[in-house]
Each structure stands twice: as C-alpha cells, then as structure tokens.
Amino acid sequence: MREHGGTGSGGRRGQAERDAITVEIGYALCSAAFAAAVVFGAVAGPALLFALPGAVETVLVRGGGVLAGVLFAVRTVSVLGRFRRAAQPSQPGRTSPDS
C-alpha cells in the first residue's frame, strides 16, 4: 500500500525524517545525562569524597541531585526545541526574492 502525502503536505513522515527525530532524541537524552552527571559530581563530589558534617553532606548531595535533575530537563527541552524550530520553515510556501 502506498503512503499518502508527504512531509510538506501534512501527511506521514518519511523514514529519513523519523530517523532524524530518533537521533535527535537520543542526542538530547545522552547530552543531558552527561551534563547532569558532571554537575552532580561537581556539587556532591566533595560530600562523597571527604568526611564532612552530616548537614553539609546532606545539603550537597540533595542540592546536587536537584540541580542535576533541573539541568537534565532544561538541556533536553532546549535541544529538542532547537531541532523543532530548525525543521520548520519560517514562511511556509514562500520563496525568497533572491531565488
């Protein structure tokens, strides 16, 4: 059976576009996880490596976890948002006067 429509006519997405979306989601998740791990290590690392007072250790570990979670979400949304904006033309159906 033949697919109706194309990416430009509001129909089904082509395989190349689905692959691009999959790769972009993977990149967003991996880069967000890496950035979150680095931030968690930088904030909570001293508490895990050194003998610090209980309250300080708790604040560093919890603060690192919160910052890592927020950074993960922000990074994922920003990468996927940038991809979505780049995929859509600014003025659909129009060509520039130079063309």
PDB file of N, CA and C in Angstrom:
ATOM      1  N   MET A   1       0.836  -1.172   0.000  1.00  0.00           N
ATOM      2  CA  MET A   1       0.000   0.000   0.000  1.00  0.00           C
ATOM      3  C   MET A   1       0.886   1.241   0.000  1.00  0.00           C
ATOM      4  N   ARG A   2       0.494   2.244  -0.718  1.00  0.00           N
ATOM      5  CA  ARG A   2       1.287   3.453  -0.868  1.00  0.00           C
ATOM      6  C   ARG A   2       0.903   4.478   0.199  1.00  0.00           C
ATOM      7  N   GLU A   3       1.928   5.173   0.738  1.00  0.00           N
ATOM      8  CA  GLU A   3       1.642   6.225   1.721  1.00  0.00           C
ATOM      9  C   GLU A   3       1.111   7.450   1.005  1.00  0.00           C
ATOM     10  N   HIS A   4       0.117   8.084   1.601  1.00  0.00           N
ATOM     11  CA  HIS A   4      -0.458   9.286   1.019  1.00  0.00           C
ATOM     12  C   HIS A   4       0.199  10.502   1.633  1.00  0.00           C
ATOM     13  N   GLY A   5       0.452  11.478   0.793  1.00  0.00           N
ATOM     14  CA  GLY A   5       1.012  12.729   1.290  1.00  0.00           C
ATOM     15  C   GLY A   5       2.495  12.605   1.556  1.00  0.00           C
ATOM     16  N   GLY A   6       3.067  13.677   2.011  1.00  0.00           N
ATOM     17  CA  GLY A   6       4.487  13.715   2.322  1.00  0.00           C
ATOM     18  C   GLY A   6       4.706  14.642   3.484  1.00  0.00           C
ATOM     19  N   THR A   7       5.934  14.957   3.744  1.00  0.00           N
ATOM     20  CA  THR A   7       6.211  15.828   4.876  1.00  0.00           C
ATOM     21  C   THR A   7       5.709  17.236   4.628  1.00  0.00           C
ATOM     22  N   GLY A   8       5.676  17.663   3.375  1.00  0.00           N
ATOM     23  CA  GLY A   8       5.241  19.015   3.078  1.00  0.00           C
ATOM     24  C   GLY A   8       3.734  19.162   3.044  1.00  0.00           C
ATOM     25  N   SER A   9       2.999  18.088   2.831  1.00  0.00           N
ATOM     26  CA  SER A   9       1.550  18.199   2.696  1.00  0.00           C
ATOM     27  C   SER A   9       0.809  17.760   3.951  1.00  0.00           C
ATOM     28  N   GLY A  10       1.498  17.594   5.060  1.00  0.00           N
ATOM     29  CA  GLY A  10       0.840  17.243   6.304  1.00  0.00           C
ATOM     30  C   GLY A  10       0.562  15.765   6.435  1.00  0.00           C
ATOM     31  N   GLY A  11       1.099  14.940   5.548  1.00  0.00           N
ATOM     32  CA  GLY A  11       0.876  13.503   5.600  1.00  0.00           C
ATOM     33  C   GLY A  11       1.862  12.836   6.536  1.00  0.00           C
ATOM     34  N   ARG A  12       2.085  11.576   6.293  1.00  0.00           N
ATOM     35  CA  ARG A  12       3.002  10.811   7.132  1.00  0.00           C
ATOM     36  C   ARG A  12       4.443  11.261   6.920  1.00  0.00           C
ATOM     37  N   ARG A  13       5.239  11.064   7.951  1.00  0.00           N
ATOM     38  CA  ARG A  13       6.652  11.419   7.865  1.00  0.00           C
ATOM     39  C   ARG A  13       7.403  10.337   7.118  1.00  0.00           C
ATOM     40  N   GLY A  14       8.427  10.748   6.405  1.00  0.00           N
ATOM     41  CA  GLY A  14       9.268   9.804   5.695  1.00  0.00           C
ATOM     42  C   GLY A  14      10.248   9.135   6.651  1.00  0.00           C
ATOM     43  N   GLN A  15      10.862   8.064   6.191  1.00  0.00           N
ATOM     44  CA  GLN A  15      11.806   7.319   7.031  1.00  0.00           C
ATOM     45  C   GLN A  15      12.982   8.195   7.452  1.00  0.00           C
ATOM     46  N   ALA A  16      13.475   9.030   6.544  1.00  0.00           N
ATOM     47  CA  ALA A  16      14.609   9.888   6.882  1.00  0.00           C
ATOM     48  C   ALA A  16      14.260  10.866   7.996  1.00  0.00           C
ATOM     49  N   GLU A  17      13.053  11.399   7.959  1.00  0.00           N
ATOM     50  CA  GLU A  17      12.647  12.339   8.998  1.00  0.00           C
ATOM     51  C   GLU A  17      12.463  11.625  10.341  1.00  0.00           C
ATOM     52  N   ARG A  18      11.898  10.427  10.320  1.00  0.00           N
ATOM     53  CA  ARG A  18      11.747   9.649  11.560  1.00  0.00           C
ATOM     54  C   ARG A  18      13.117   9.301  12.138  1.00  0.00           C
ATOM     55  N   ASP A  19      14.063   8.941  11.276  1.00  0.00           N
ATOM     56  CA  ASP A  19      15.419   8.637  11.741  1.00  0.00           C
ATOM     57  C   ASP A  19      16.078   9.865  12.352  1.00  0.00           C
ATOM     58  N   ALA A  20      15.893  11.023  11.716  1.00  0.00           N
ATOM     59  CA  ALA A  20      16.480  12.257  12.237  1.00  0.00           C
ATOM     60  C   ALA A  20      15.904  12.590  13.611  1.00  0.00           C
ATOM     61  N   ILE A  21      14.617  12.397  13.781  1.00  0.00           N
ATOM     62  CA  ILE A  21      13.982  12.667  15.078  1.00  0.00           C
ATOM     63  C   ILE A  21      14.516  11.713  16.138  1.00  0.00           C
ATOM     64  N   THR A  22      14.665  10.435  15.766  1.00  0.00           N
ATOM     65  CA  THR A  22      15.182   9.443  16.716  1.00  0.00           C
ATOM     66  C   THR A  22      16.604   9.783  17.147  1.00  0.00           C
ATOM     67  N   VAL A  23      17.434  10.162  16.192  1.00  0.00           N
ATOM     68  CA  VAL A  23      18.820  10.531  16.514  1.00  0.00           C
ATOM     69  C   VAL A  23      18.843  11.769  17.400  1.00  0.00           C
ATOM     70  N   GLU A  24      18.004  12.740  17.102  1.00  0.00           N
ATOM     71  CA  GLU A  24      17.985  13.965  17.893  1.00  0.00           C
ATOM     72  C   GLU A  24      17.512  13.704  19.314  1.00  0.00           C
ATOM     73  N   ILE A  25      16.536  12.841  19.492  1.00  0.00           N
ATOM     74  CA  ILE A  25      16.079  12.486  20.840  1.00  0.00           C
ATOM     75  C   ILE A  25      17.197  11.780  21.599  1.00  0.00           C
ATOM     76  N   GLY A  26      17.877  10.862  20.938  1.00  0.00           N
ATOM     77  CA  GLY A  26      18.995  10.172  21.575  1.00  0.00           C
ATOM     78  C   GLY A  26      20.094  11.129  21.981  1.00  0.00           C
ATOM     79  N   TYR A  27      20.426  12.073  21.091  1.00  0.00           N
ATOM     80  CA  TYR A  27      21.450  13.068  21.407  1.00  0.00           C
ATOM     81  C   TYR A  27      21.013  13.931  22.585  1.00  0.00           C
ATOM     82  N   ALA A  28      19.753  14.359  22.584  1.00  0.00           N
ATOM     83  CA  ALA A  28      19.260  15.209  23.669  1.00  0.00           C
ATOM     84  C   ALA A  28      19.361  14.489  25.011  1.00  0.00           C
ATOM     85  N   LEU A  29      18.952  13.225  25.047  1.00  0.00           N
ATOM     86  CA  LEU A  29      18.985  12.472  26.309  1.00  0.00           C
ATOM     87  C   LEU A  29      20.406  12.187  26.771  1.00  0.00           C
ATOM     88  N   CYS A  30      21.280  11.790  25.839  1.00  0.00           N
ATOM     89  CA  CYS A  30      22.671  11.481  26.219  1.00  0.00           C
ATOM     90  C   CYS A  30      23.423  12.726  26.672  1.00  0.00           C
ATOM     91  N   SER A  31      23.278  13.822  25.940  1.00  0.00           N
ATOM     92  CA  SER A  31      23.997  15.036  26.340  1.00  0.00           C
ATOM     93  C   SER A  31      23.446  15.588  27.651  1.00  0.00           C
ATOM     94  N   ALA A  32      22.129  15.452  27.864  1.00  0.00           N
ATOM     95  CA  ALA A  32      21.543  15.915  29.122  1.00  0.00           C
ATOM     96  C   ALA A  32      22.011  15.050  30.286  1.00  0.00           C
ATOM     97  N   ALA A  33      22.090  13.744  30.079  1.00  0.00           N
ATOM     98  CA  ALA A  33      22.562  12.850  31.146  1.00  0.00           C
ATOM     99  C   ALA A  33      24.022  13.134  31.496  1.00  0.00           C
ATOM    100  N   PHE A  34      24.843  13.373  30.477  1.00  0.00           N
ATOM    101  CA  PHE A  34      26.254  13.677  30.731  1.00  0.00           C
ATOM    102  C   PHE A  34      26.397  14.986  31.506  1.00  0.00           C
ATOM    103  N   ALA A  35      25.685  16.031  31.069  1.00  0.00           N
ATOM    104  CA  ALA A  35      25.764  17.324  31.756  1.00  0.00           C
ATOM    105  C   ALA A  35      25.259  17.208  33.195  1.00  0.00           C
ATOM    106  N   ALA A  36      24.181  16.453  33.399  1.00  0.00           N
ATOM    107  CA  ALA A  36      23.648  16.277  34.753  1.00  0.00           C
ATOM    108  C   ALA A  36      24.633  15.524  35.640  1.00  0.00           C
ATOM    109  N   ALA A  37      25.290  14.510  35.080  1.00  0.00           N
ATOM    110  CA  ALA A  37      26.270  13.750  35.866  1.00  0.00           C
ATOM    111  C   ALA A  37      27.460  14.623  36.256  1.00  0.00           C
ATOM    112  N   VAL A  38      27.903  15.475  35.351  1.00  0.00           N
ATOM    113  CA  VAL A  38      29.028  16.373  35.653  1.00  0.00           C
ATOM    114  C   VAL A  38      28.637  17.351  36.764  1.00  0.00           C
ATOM    115  N   VAL A  39      27.449  17.923  36.671  1.00  0.00           N
ATOM    116  CA  VAL A  39      27.007  18.871  37.701  1.00  0.00           C
ATOM    117  C   VAL A  39      26.830  18.171  39.042  1.00  0.00           C
ATOM    118  N   PHE A  40      26.230  16.976  39.017  1.00  0.00           N
ATOM    119  CA  PHE A  40      26.067  16.244  40.273  1.00  0.00           C
ATOM    120  C   PHE A  40      27.432  15.933  40.895  1.00  0.00           C
ATOM    121  N   GLY A  41      28.369  15.495  40.078  1.00  0.00           N
ATOM    122  CA  GLY A  41      29.707  15.196  40.584  1.00  0.00           C
ATOM    123  C   GLY A  41      30.411  16.417  41.146  1.00  0.00           C
ATOM    124  N   ALA A  42      30.227  17.557  40.488  1.00  0.00           N
ATOM    125  CA  ALA A  42      30.881  18.783  40.958  1.00  0.00           C
ATOM    126  C   ALA A  42      30.288  19.269  42.275  1.00  0.00           C
ATOM    127  N   VAL A  43      28.968  19.143  42.432  1.00  0.00           N
ATOM    128  CA  VAL A  43      28.323  19.645  43.653  1.00  0.00           C
ATOM    129  C   VAL A  43      28.400  18.624  44.788  1.00  0.00           C
ATOM    130  N   ALA A  44      28.067  17.381  44.501  1.00  0.00           N
ATOM    131  CA  ALA A  44      28.003  16.365  45.554  1.00  0.00           C
ATOM    132  C   ALA A  44      29.330  15.637  45.754  1.00  0.00           C
ATOM    133  N   GLY A  45      30.253  15.792  44.830  1.00  0.00           N
ATOM    134  CA  GLY A  45      31.532  15.090  44.920  1.00  0.00           C
ATOM    135  C   GLY A  45      32.279  15.287  46.227  1.00  0.00           C
ATOM    136  N   PRO A  46      32.434  16.522  46.683  1.00  0.00           N
ATOM    137  CA  PRO A  46      33.139  16.725  47.953  1.00  0.00           C
ATOM    138  C   PRO A  46      32.482  15.988  49.124  1.00  0.00           C
ATOM    139  N   ALA A  47      31.157  15.908  49.120  1.00  0.00           N
ATOM    140  CA  ALA A  47      30.460  15.212  50.204  1.00  0.00           C
ATOM    141  C   ALA A  47      30.710  13.710  50.132  1.00  0.00           C
ATOM    142  N   LEU A  48      30.896  13.194  48.936  1.00  0.00           N
ATOM    143  CA  LEU A  48      31.129  11.766  48.774  1.00  0.00           C
ATOM    144  C   LEU A  48      32.590  11.384  48.986  1.00  0.00           C
ATOM    145  N   LEU A  49      33.508  12.331  48.787  1.00  0.00           N
ATOM    146  CA  LEU A  49      34.944  12.042  48.919  1.00  0.00           C
ATOM    147  C   LEU A  49      35.505  12.344  50.306  1.00  0.00           C
ATOM    148  N   PHE A  50      34.991  13.362  50.945  1.00  0.00           N
ATOM    149  CA  PHE A  50      35.550  13.803  52.224  1.00  0.00           C
ATOM    150  C   PHE A  50      34.558  13.585  53.359  1.00  0.00           C
ATOM    151  N   ALA A  51      35.092  13.491  54.555  1.00  0.00           N
ATOM    152  CA  ALA A  51      34.241  13.358  55.747  1.00  0.00           C
ATOM    153  C   ALA A  51      33.788  14.757  56.166  1.00  0.00           C
ATOM    154  N   LEU A  52      32.563  15.073  55.820  1.00  0.00           N
ATOM    155  CA  LEU A  52      32.001  16.376  56.159  1.00  0.00           C
ATOM    156  C   LEU A  52      30.905  16.188  57.206  1.00  0.00           C
ATOM    157  N   PRO A  53      30.543  17.265  57.906  1.00  0.00           N
ATOM    158  CA  PRO A  53      29.436  17.162  58.867  1.00  0.00           C
ATOM    159  C   PRO A  53      28.150  16.691  58.166  1.00  0.00           C
ATOM    160  N   GLY A  54      27.309  15.987  58.897  1.00  0.00           N
ATOM    161  CA  GLY A  54      26.099  15.384  58.331  1.00  0.00           C
ATOM    162  C   GLY A  54      25.207  16.352  57.583  1.00  0.00           C
ATOM    163  N   ALA A  55      24.988  17.544  58.133  1.00  0.00           N
ATOM    164  CA  ALA A  55      24.092  18.511  57.494  1.00  0.00           C
ATOM    165  C   ALA A  55      24.676  19.017  56.184  1.00  0.00           C
ATOM    166  N   VAL A  56      25.961  19.273  56.180  1.00  0.00           N
ATOM    167  CA  VAL A  56      26.626  19.763  54.960  1.00  0.00           C
ATOM    168  C   VAL A  56      26.588  18.686  53.881  1.00  0.00           C
ATOM    169  N   GLU A  57      26.865  17.462  54.272  1.00  0.00           N
ATOM    170  CA  GLU A  57      26.830  16.353  53.322  1.00  0.00           C
ATOM    171  C   GLU A  57      25.441  16.182  52.715  1.00  0.00           C
ATOM    172  N   THR A  58      24.425  16.257  53.553  1.00  0.00           N
ATOM    173  CA  THR A  58      23.043  16.119  53.079  1.00  0.00           C
ATOM    174  C   THR A  58      22.682  17.234  52.107  1.00  0.00           C
ATOM    175  N   VAL A  59      23.048  18.473  52.440  1.00  0.00           N
ATOM    176  CA  VAL A  59      22.732  19.614  51.572  1.00  0.00           C
ATOM    177  C   VAL A  59      23.438  19.472  50.229  1.00  0.00           C
ATOM    178  N   LEU A  60      24.696  19.067  50.237  1.00  0.00           N
ATOM    179  CA  LEU A  60      25.436  18.939  48.984  1.00  0.00           C
ATOM    180  C   LEU A  60      24.869  17.832  48.096  1.00  0.00           C
ATOM    181  N   VAL A  61      24.567  16.698  48.680  1.00  0.00           N
ATOM    182  CA  VAL A  61      24.043  15.579  47.882  1.00  0.00           C
ATOM    183  C   VAL A  61      22.646  15.903  47.350  1.00  0.00           C
ATOM    184  N   ARG A  62      21.779  16.425  48.183  1.00  0.00           N
ATOM    185  CA  ARG A  62      20.422  16.760  47.727  1.00  0.00           C
ATOM    186  C   ARG A  62      20.449  17.923  46.733  1.00  0.00           C
ATOM    187  N   GLY A  63      21.254  18.920  47.017  1.00  0.00           N
ATOM    188  CA  GLY A  63      21.380  20.055  46.091  1.00  0.00           C
ATOM    189  C   GLY A  63      21.927  19.621  44.745  1.00  0.00           C
ATOM    190  N   GLY A  64      22.921  18.741  44.761  1.00  0.00           N
ATOM    191  CA  GLY A  64      23.455  18.213  43.506  1.00  0.00           C
ATOM    192  C   GLY A  64      22.419  17.424  42.729  1.00  0.00           C
ATOM    193  N   GLY A  65      21.614  16.647  43.440  1.00  0.00           N
ATOM    194  CA  GLY A  65      20.554  15.889  42.779  1.00  0.00           C
ATOM    195  C   GLY A  65      19.496  16.784  42.149  1.00  0.00           C
ATOM    196  N   VAL A  66      19.114  17.818  42.876  1.00  0.00           N
ATOM    197  CA  VAL A  66      18.108  18.756  42.361  1.00  0.00           C
ATOM    198  C   VAL A  66      18.661  19.504  41.149  1.00  0.00           C
ATOM    199  N   LEU A  67      19.882  20.018  41.268  1.00  0.00           N
ATOM    200  CA  LEU A  67      20.482  20.735  40.138  1.00  0.00           C
ATOM    201  C   LEU A  67      20.656  19.824  38.927  1.00  0.00           C
ATOM    202  N   ALA A  68      21.064  18.590  39.151  1.00  0.00           N
ATOM    203  CA  ALA A  68      21.235  17.651  38.046  1.00  0.00           C
ATOM    204  C   ALA A  68      19.906  17.364  37.359  1.00  0.00           C
ATOM    205  N   GLY A  69      18.847  17.189  38.131  1.00  0.00           N
ATOM    206  CA  GLY A  69      17.529  16.947  37.549  1.00  0.00           C
ATOM    207  C   GLY A  69      17.012  18.121  36.742  1.00  0.00           C
ATOM    208  N   VAL A  70      17.190  19.315  37.279  1.00  0.00           N
ATOM    209  CA  VAL A  70      16.748  20.522  36.568  1.00  0.00           C
ATOM    210  C   VAL A  70      17.565  20.699  35.290  1.00  0.00           C
ATOM    211  N   LEU A  71      18.872  20.514  35.378  1.00  0.00           N
ATOM    212  CA  LEU A  71      19.722  20.647  34.197  1.00  0.00           C
ATOM    213  C   LEU A  71      19.358  19.619  33.138  1.00  0.00           C
ATOM    214  N   PHE A  72      19.067  18.391  33.540  1.00  0.00           N
ATOM    215  CA  PHE A  72      18.667  17.349  32.591  1.00  0.00           C
ATOM    216  C   PHE A  72      17.416  17.777  31.818  1.00  0.00           C
ATOM    217  N   ALA A  73      16.422  18.270  32.532  1.00  0.00           N
ATOM    218  CA  ALA A  73      15.174  18.682  31.885  1.00  0.00           C
ATOM    219  C   ALA A  73      15.388  19.877  30.959  1.00  0.00           C
ATOM    220  N   VAL A  74      16.121  20.878  31.434  1.00  0.00           N
ATOM    221  CA  VAL A  74      16.353  22.078  30.629  1.00  0.00           C
ATOM    222  C   VAL A  74      17.149  21.744  29.370  1.00  0.00           C
ATOM    223  N   ARG A  75      18.185  20.930  29.506  1.00  0.00           N
ATOM    224  CA  ARG A  75      19.010  20.566  28.353  1.00  0.00           C
ATOM    225  C   ARG A  75      18.190  19.775  27.333  1.00  0.00           C
ATOM    226  N   THR A  76      17.398  18.825  27.785  1.00  0.00           N
ATOM    227  CA  THR A  76      16.586  18.015  26.867  1.00  0.00           C
ATOM    228  C   THR A  76      15.591  18.893  26.113  1.00  0.00           C
ATOM    229  N   VAL A  77      14.897  19.757  26.812  1.00  0.00           N
ATOM    230  CA  VAL A  77      13.902  20.621  26.171  1.00  0.00           C
ATOM    231  C   VAL A  77      14.574  21.599  25.201  1.00  0.00           C
ATOM    232  N   SER A  78      15.722  22.147  25.577  1.00  0.00           N
ATOM    233  CA  SER A  78      16.370  23.113  24.692  1.00  0.00           C
ATOM    234  C   SER A  78      16.878  22.458  23.410  1.00  0.00           C
ATOM    235  N   VAL A  79      17.443  21.263  23.501  1.00  0.00           N
ATOM    236  CA  VAL A  79      17.929  20.578  22.298  1.00  0.00           C
ATOM    237  C   VAL A  79      16.763  20.208  21.395  1.00  0.00           C
ATOM    238  N   LEU A  80      15.706  19.647  21.954  1.00  0.00           N
ATOM    239  CA  LEU A  80      14.561  19.255  21.131  1.00  0.00           C
ATOM    240  C   LEU A  80      13.818  20.473  20.587  1.00  0.00           C
ATOM    241  N   GLY A  81      13.754  21.538  21.341  1.00  0.00           N
ATOM    242  CA  GLY A  81      13.118  22.763  20.850  1.00  0.00           C
ATOM    243  C   GLY A  81      13.890  23.378  19.703  1.00  0.00           C
ATOM    244  N   ARG A  82      15.204  23.374  19.804  1.00  0.00           N
ATOM    245  CA  ARG A  82      16.044  23.897  18.729  1.00  0.00           C
ATOM    246  C   ARG A  82      15.889  23.057  17.470  1.00  0.00           C
ATOM    247  N   PHE A  83      15.779  21.745  17.625  1.00  0.00           N
ATOM    248  CA  PHE A  83      15.600  20.855  16.476  1.00  0.00           C
ATOM    249  C   PHE A  83      14.253  21.122  15.804  1.00  0.00           C
ATOM    250  N   ARG A  84      13.234  21.307  16.607  1.00  0.00           N
ATOM    251  CA  ARG A  84      11.896  21.547  16.030  1.00  0.00           C
ATOM    252  C   ARG A  84      11.855  22.862  15.268  1.00  0.00           C
ATOM    253  N   ARG A  85      12.470  23.922  15.821  1.00  0.00           N
ATOM    254  CA  ARG A  85      12.490  25.212  15.136  1.00  0.00           C
ATOM    255  C   ARG A  85      13.277  25.143  13.838  1.00  0.00           C
ATOM    256  N   ALA A  86      14.351  24.379  13.815  1.00  0.00           N
ATOM    257  CA  ALA A  86      15.172  24.265  12.616  1.00  0.00           C
ATOM    258  C   ALA A  86      14.459  23.469  11.529  1.00  0.00           C
ATOM    259  N   ALA A  87      13.550  22.577  11.910  1.00  0.00           N
ATOM    260  CA  ALA A  87      12.865  21.737  10.935  1.00  0.00           C
ATOM    261  C   ALA A  87      11.712  22.453  10.247  1.00  0.00           C
ATOM    262  N   GLN A  88      11.225  23.548  10.822  1.00  0.00           N
ATOM    263  CA  GLN A  88      10.077  24.247  10.254  1.00  0.00           C
ATOM    264  C   GLN A  88      10.536  25.498   9.513  1.00  0.00           C
ATOM    265  N   PRO A  89      10.066  25.683   8.292  1.00  0.00           N
ATOM    266  CA  PRO A  89      10.411  26.909   7.577  1.00  0.00           C
ATOM    267  C   PRO A  89       9.739  28.119   8.218  1.00  0.00           C
ATOM    268  N   SER A  90      10.370  29.283   8.096  1.00  0.00           N
ATOM    269  CA  SER A  90       9.815  30.469   8.732  1.00  0.00           C
ATOM    270  C   SER A  90       8.563  30.956   8.032  1.00  0.00           C
ATOM    271  N   GLN A  91       8.503  30.814   6.703  1.00  0.00           N
ATOM    272  CA  GLN A  91       7.325  31.214   5.949  1.00  0.00           C
ATOM    273  C   GLN A  91       6.969  30.089   4.979  1.00  0.00           C
ATOM    274  N   PRO A  92       6.150  29.153   5.400  1.00  0.00           N
ATOM    275  CA  PRO A  92       5.827  28.033   4.536  1.00  0.00           C
ATOM    276  C   PRO A  92       5.167  28.486   3.230  1.00  0.00           C
ATOM    277  N   GLY A  93       5.608  27.900   2.136  1.00  0.00           N
ATOM    278  CA  GLY A  93       5.002  28.196   0.846  1.00  0.00           C
ATOM    279  C   GLY A  93       5.561  29.413   0.154  1.00  0.00           C
ATOM    280  N   ARG A  94       6.461  30.129   0.790  1.00  0.00           N
ATOM    281  CA  ARG A  94       7.034  31.327   0.178  1.00  0.00           C
ATOM    282  C   ARG A  94       8.491  31.086  -0.167  1.00  0.00           C
ATOM    283  N   THR A  95       8.914  31.715  -1.206  1.00  0.00           N
ATOM    284  CA  THR A  95      10.325  31.658  -1.576  1.00  0.00           C
ATOM    285  C   THR A  95      10.913  33.042  -1.391  1.00  0.00           C
ATOM    286  N   SER A  96      12.204  33.094  -1.234  1.00  0.00           N
ATOM    287  CA  SER A  96      12.834  34.391  -1.049  1.00  0.00           C
ATOM    288  C   SER A  96      12.929  35.108  -2.403  1.00  0.00           C
ATOM    289  N   PRO A  97      12.982  36.419  -2.409  1.00  0.00           N
ATOM    290  CA  PRO A  97      13.049  37.152  -3.668  1.00  0.00           C
ATOM    291  C   PRO A  97      14.333  36.865  -4.455  1.00  0.00           C
ATOM    292  N   ASP A  98      15.373  36.378  -3.783  1.00  0.00           N
ATOM    293  CA  ASP A  98      16.636  36.093  -4.448  1.00  0.00           C
ATOM    294  C   ASP A  98      16.615  34.821  -5.255  1.00  0.00           C
ATOM    295  N   SER A  99      15.620  33.959  -5.036  1.00  0.00           N
ATOM    296  CA  SER A  99      15.627  32.673  -5.731  1.00  0.00           C
ATOM    297  C   SER A  99      15.073  32.755  -7.135  1.00  0.00           C
TER     298      SER A  99
END
